[in-house]
């Protein structure tokens, strides 16, 4: 008895983009936790979640628009876009902490 699905299993660009977003968010969380433990030397690695989020965002958009025959629903594409935005924002916040960017008005000066 075969338990294989009768439909061919295709992977789309949106699924790959979502996987990159999840990886970026997890790496960003790990960088944040290590930096909170006092190891500030890990902050230059904040470029990794930012880059993964950007590439994943582009792949999720392209995969959601172009590859409609793969079988991904619109909500899955939306979830991939959302997690990539979280990876991008997290990477930017970590870069702001690393580079000393003023995030709020009059933050960092008298």
C-alpha atoms as a PDB file:
ATOM      1  CA  UNK A   1       0.000   0.000   0.000  1.00  0.00           C
ATOM      2  CA  UNK A   2       1.453   3.325  -1.067  1.00  0.00           C
ATOM      3  CA  UNK A   3       1.000   6.302   1.183  1.00  0.00           C
ATOM      4  CA  UNK A   4       2.481   8.764  -1.286  1.00  0.00           C
ATOM      5  CA  UNK A   5       0.432  11.736  -2.318  1.00  0.00           C
ATOM      6  CA  UNK A   6      -1.055  11.458  -5.802  1.00  0.00           C
ATOM      7  CA  UNK A   7      -0.133  15.075  -6.487  1.00  0.00           C
ATOM      8  CA  UNK A   8       3.443  15.844  -7.439  1.00  0.00           C
ATOM      9  CA  UNK A   9       5.268  17.710  -4.692  1.00  0.00           C
ATOM     10  CA  UNK A  10       6.531  20.999  -6.072  1.00  0.00           C
ATOM     11  CA  UNK A  11       8.378  23.575  -4.077  1.00  0.00           C
ATOM     12  CA  UNK A  12       7.872  27.156  -5.024  1.00  0.00           C
ATOM     13  CA  UNK A  13       9.814  30.329  -4.628  1.00  0.00           C
ATOM     14  CA  UNK A  14       7.398  31.561  -1.966  1.00  0.00           C
ATOM     15  CA  UNK A  15       8.113  28.508   0.163  1.00  0.00           C
ATOM     16  CA  UNK A  16      11.847  29.071  -0.206  1.00  0.00           C
ATOM     17  CA  UNK A  17      11.355  32.741   0.674  1.00  0.00           C
ATOM     18  CA  UNK A  18       9.413  31.763   3.779  1.00  0.00           C
ATOM     19  CA  UNK A  19      12.160  29.372   4.827  1.00  0.00           C
ATOM     20  CA  UNK A  20      14.747  32.124   4.439  1.00  0.00           C
ATOM     21  CA  UNK A  21      12.579  34.438   6.539  1.00  0.00           C
ATOM     22  CA  UNK A  22      12.255  31.854   9.296  1.00  0.00           C
ATOM     23  CA  UNK A  23      16.013  31.274   9.250  1.00  0.00           C
ATOM     24  CA  UNK A  24      16.638  35.027   9.377  1.00  0.00           C
ATOM     25  CA  UNK A  25      14.249  35.521  12.287  1.00  0.00           C
ATOM     26  CA  UNK A  26      15.782  32.633  14.245  1.00  0.00           C
ATOM     27  CA  UNK A  27      19.332  33.852  13.629  1.00  0.00           C
ATOM     28  CA  UNK A  28      18.280  37.378  14.609  1.00  0.00           C
ATOM     29  CA  UNK A  29      16.755  36.100  17.845  1.00  0.00           C
ATOM     30  CA  UNK A  30      19.933  34.161  18.607  1.00  0.00           C
ATOM     31  CA  UNK A  31      22.063  37.258  17.966  1.00  0.00           C
ATOM     32  CA  UNK A  32      19.781  39.289  20.241  1.00  0.00           C
ATOM     33  CA  UNK A  33      19.999  36.761  23.074  1.00  0.00           C
ATOM     34  CA  UNK A  34      23.783  36.475  22.823  1.00  0.00           C
ATOM     35  CA  UNK A  35      24.116  40.276  22.765  1.00  0.00           C
ATOM     36  CA  UNK A  36      21.878  40.524  25.834  1.00  0.00           C
ATOM     37  CA  UNK A  37      24.230  38.109  27.583  1.00  0.00           C
ATOM     38  CA  UNK A  38      26.977  40.690  27.183  1.00  0.00           C
ATOM     39  CA  UNK A  39      28.806  39.565  24.055  1.00  0.00           C
ATOM     40  CA  UNK A  40      28.711  42.702  21.911  1.00  0.00           C
ATOM     41  CA  UNK A  41      31.091  41.183  19.355  1.00  0.00           C
ATOM     42  CA  UNK A  42      28.191  39.282  17.825  1.00  0.00           C
ATOM     43  CA  UNK A  43      26.431  42.443  16.625  1.00  0.00           C
ATOM     44  CA  UNK A  44      28.147  42.579  13.196  1.00  0.00           C
ATOM     45  CA  UNK A  45      26.334  39.341  12.405  1.00  0.00           C
ATOM     46  CA  UNK A  46      23.113  41.370  12.274  1.00  0.00           C
ATOM     47  CA  UNK A  47      23.711  41.688   8.544  1.00  0.00           C
ATOM     48  CA  UNK A  48      22.786  38.002   8.172  1.00  0.00           C
ATOM     49  CA  UNK A  49      19.102  38.240   9.211  1.00  0.00           C
ATOM     50  CA  UNK A  50      18.753  41.490   7.283  1.00  0.00           C
ATOM     51  CA  UNK A  51      20.126  39.897   4.103  1.00  0.00           C
ATOM     52  CA  UNK A  52      18.106  36.702   4.524  1.00  0.00           C
ATOM     53  CA  UNK A  53      14.977  38.779   5.083  1.00  0.00           C
ATOM     54  CA  UNK A  54      15.556  40.857   1.946  1.00  0.00           C
ATOM     55  CA  UNK A  55      16.214  37.859  -0.285  1.00  0.00           C
ATOM     56  CA  UNK A  56      13.300  35.945   1.240  1.00  0.00           C
ATOM     57  CA  UNK A  57      10.974  38.921   0.797  1.00  0.00           C
ATOM     58  CA  UNK A  58      11.790  39.182  -2.899  1.00  0.00           C
ATOM     59  CA  UNK A  59      11.385  35.424  -3.380  1.00  0.00           C
ATOM     60  CA  UNK A  60       8.055  35.411  -1.539  1.00  0.00           C
ATOM     61  CA  UNK A  61       6.690  38.254  -3.664  1.00  0.00           C
ATOM     62  CA  UNK A  62       7.934  36.758  -6.924  1.00  0.00           C
ATOM     63  CA  UNK A  63       6.774  33.275  -5.972  1.00  0.00           C
ATOM     64  CA  UNK A  64       3.355  34.518  -4.905  1.00  0.00           C
ATOM     65  CA  UNK A  65       2.776  36.486  -8.096  1.00  0.00           C
ATOM     66  CA  UNK A  66       4.370  34.301 -10.750  1.00  0.00           C
ATOM     67  CA  UNK A  67       4.083  30.722  -9.502  1.00  0.00           C
ATOM     68  CA  UNK A  68       0.363  30.168  -9.049  1.00  0.00           C
ATOM     69  CA  UNK A  69       0.536  26.535 -10.241  1.00  0.00           C
ATOM     70  CA  UNK A  70       2.595  25.323  -7.266  1.00  0.00           C
ATOM     71  CA  UNK A  71      -0.456  25.107  -5.031  1.00  0.00           C
ATOM     72  CA  UNK A  72       0.404  27.541  -2.251  1.00  0.00           C
ATOM     73  CA  UNK A  73      -2.518  29.457  -0.873  1.00  0.00           C
ATOM     74  CA  UNK A  74      -2.452  33.218  -0.554  1.00  0.00           C
ATOM     75  CA  UNK A  75      -2.298  33.026   3.232  1.00  0.00           C
ATOM     76  CA  UNK A  76       0.945  31.038   3.034  1.00  0.00           C
ATOM     77  CA  UNK A  77       2.475  33.691   0.822  1.00  0.00           C
ATOM     78  CA  UNK A  78       1.275  36.373   3.249  1.00  0.00           C
ATOM     79  CA  UNK A  79       2.871  34.484   6.148  1.00  0.00           C
ATOM     80  CA  UNK A  80       6.145  34.263   4.197  1.00  0.00           C
ATOM     81  CA  UNK A  81       6.051  38.008   3.538  1.00  0.00           C
ATOM     82  CA  UNK A  82       5.274  38.731   7.195  1.00  0.00           C
ATOM     83  CA  UNK A  83       8.132  36.655   8.602  1.00  0.00           C
ATOM     84  CA  UNK A  84      10.530  38.236   6.121  1.00  0.00           C
ATOM     85  CA  UNK A  85       9.451  41.709   7.233  1.00  0.00           C
ATOM     86  CA  UNK A  86      10.120  40.634  10.823  1.00  0.00           C
ATOM     87  CA  UNK A  87      13.617  39.435   9.856  1.00  0.00           C
ATOM     88  CA  UNK A  88      14.323  42.719   8.030  1.00  0.00           C
ATOM     89  CA  UNK A  89      13.100  44.884  10.919  1.00  0.00           C
ATOM     90  CA  UNK A  90      14.967  42.779  13.477  1.00  0.00           C
ATOM     91  CA  UNK A  91      18.163  43.016  11.466  1.00  0.00           C
ATOM     92  CA  UNK A  92      17.766  46.784  11.162  1.00  0.00           C
ATOM     93  CA  UNK A  93      17.191  47.188  14.899  1.00  0.00           C
ATOM     94  CA  UNK A  94      20.270  45.116  15.657  1.00  0.00           C
ATOM     95  CA  UNK A  95      22.290  47.158  13.147  1.00  0.00           C
ATOM     96  CA  UNK A  96      21.066  50.329  14.854  1.00  0.00           C
ATOM     97  CA  UNK A  97      22.298  49.004  18.198  1.00  0.00           C
ATOM     98  CA  UNK A  98      25.599  47.917  16.660  1.00  0.00           C
ATOM     99  CA  UNK A  99      26.335  51.148  14.775  1.00  0.00           C
ATOM    100  CA  UNK A 100      24.901  53.523  17.403  1.00  0.00           C
ATOM    101  CA  UNK A 101      22.224  55.005  15.171  1.00  0.00           C
ATOM    102  CA  UNK A 102      19.814  57.411  16.838  1.00  0.00           C
ATOM    103  CA  UNK A 103      16.471  55.646  16.630  1.00  0.00           C
ATOM    104  CA  UNK A 104      14.364  58.214  18.450  1.00  0.00           C
ATOM    105  CA  UNK A 105      14.462  61.989  18.235  1.00  0.00           C
ATOM    106  CA  UNK A 106      17.118  63.479  20.524  1.00  0.00           C
ATOM    107  CA  UNK A 107      18.284  60.032  21.622  1.00  0.00           C
ATOM    108  CA  UNK A 108      21.968  59.977  22.375  1.00  0.00           C
ATOM    109  CA  UNK A 109      22.611  63.668  22.859  1.00  0.00           C
ATOM    110  CA  UNK A 110      21.871  66.327  25.492  1.00  0.00           C
END
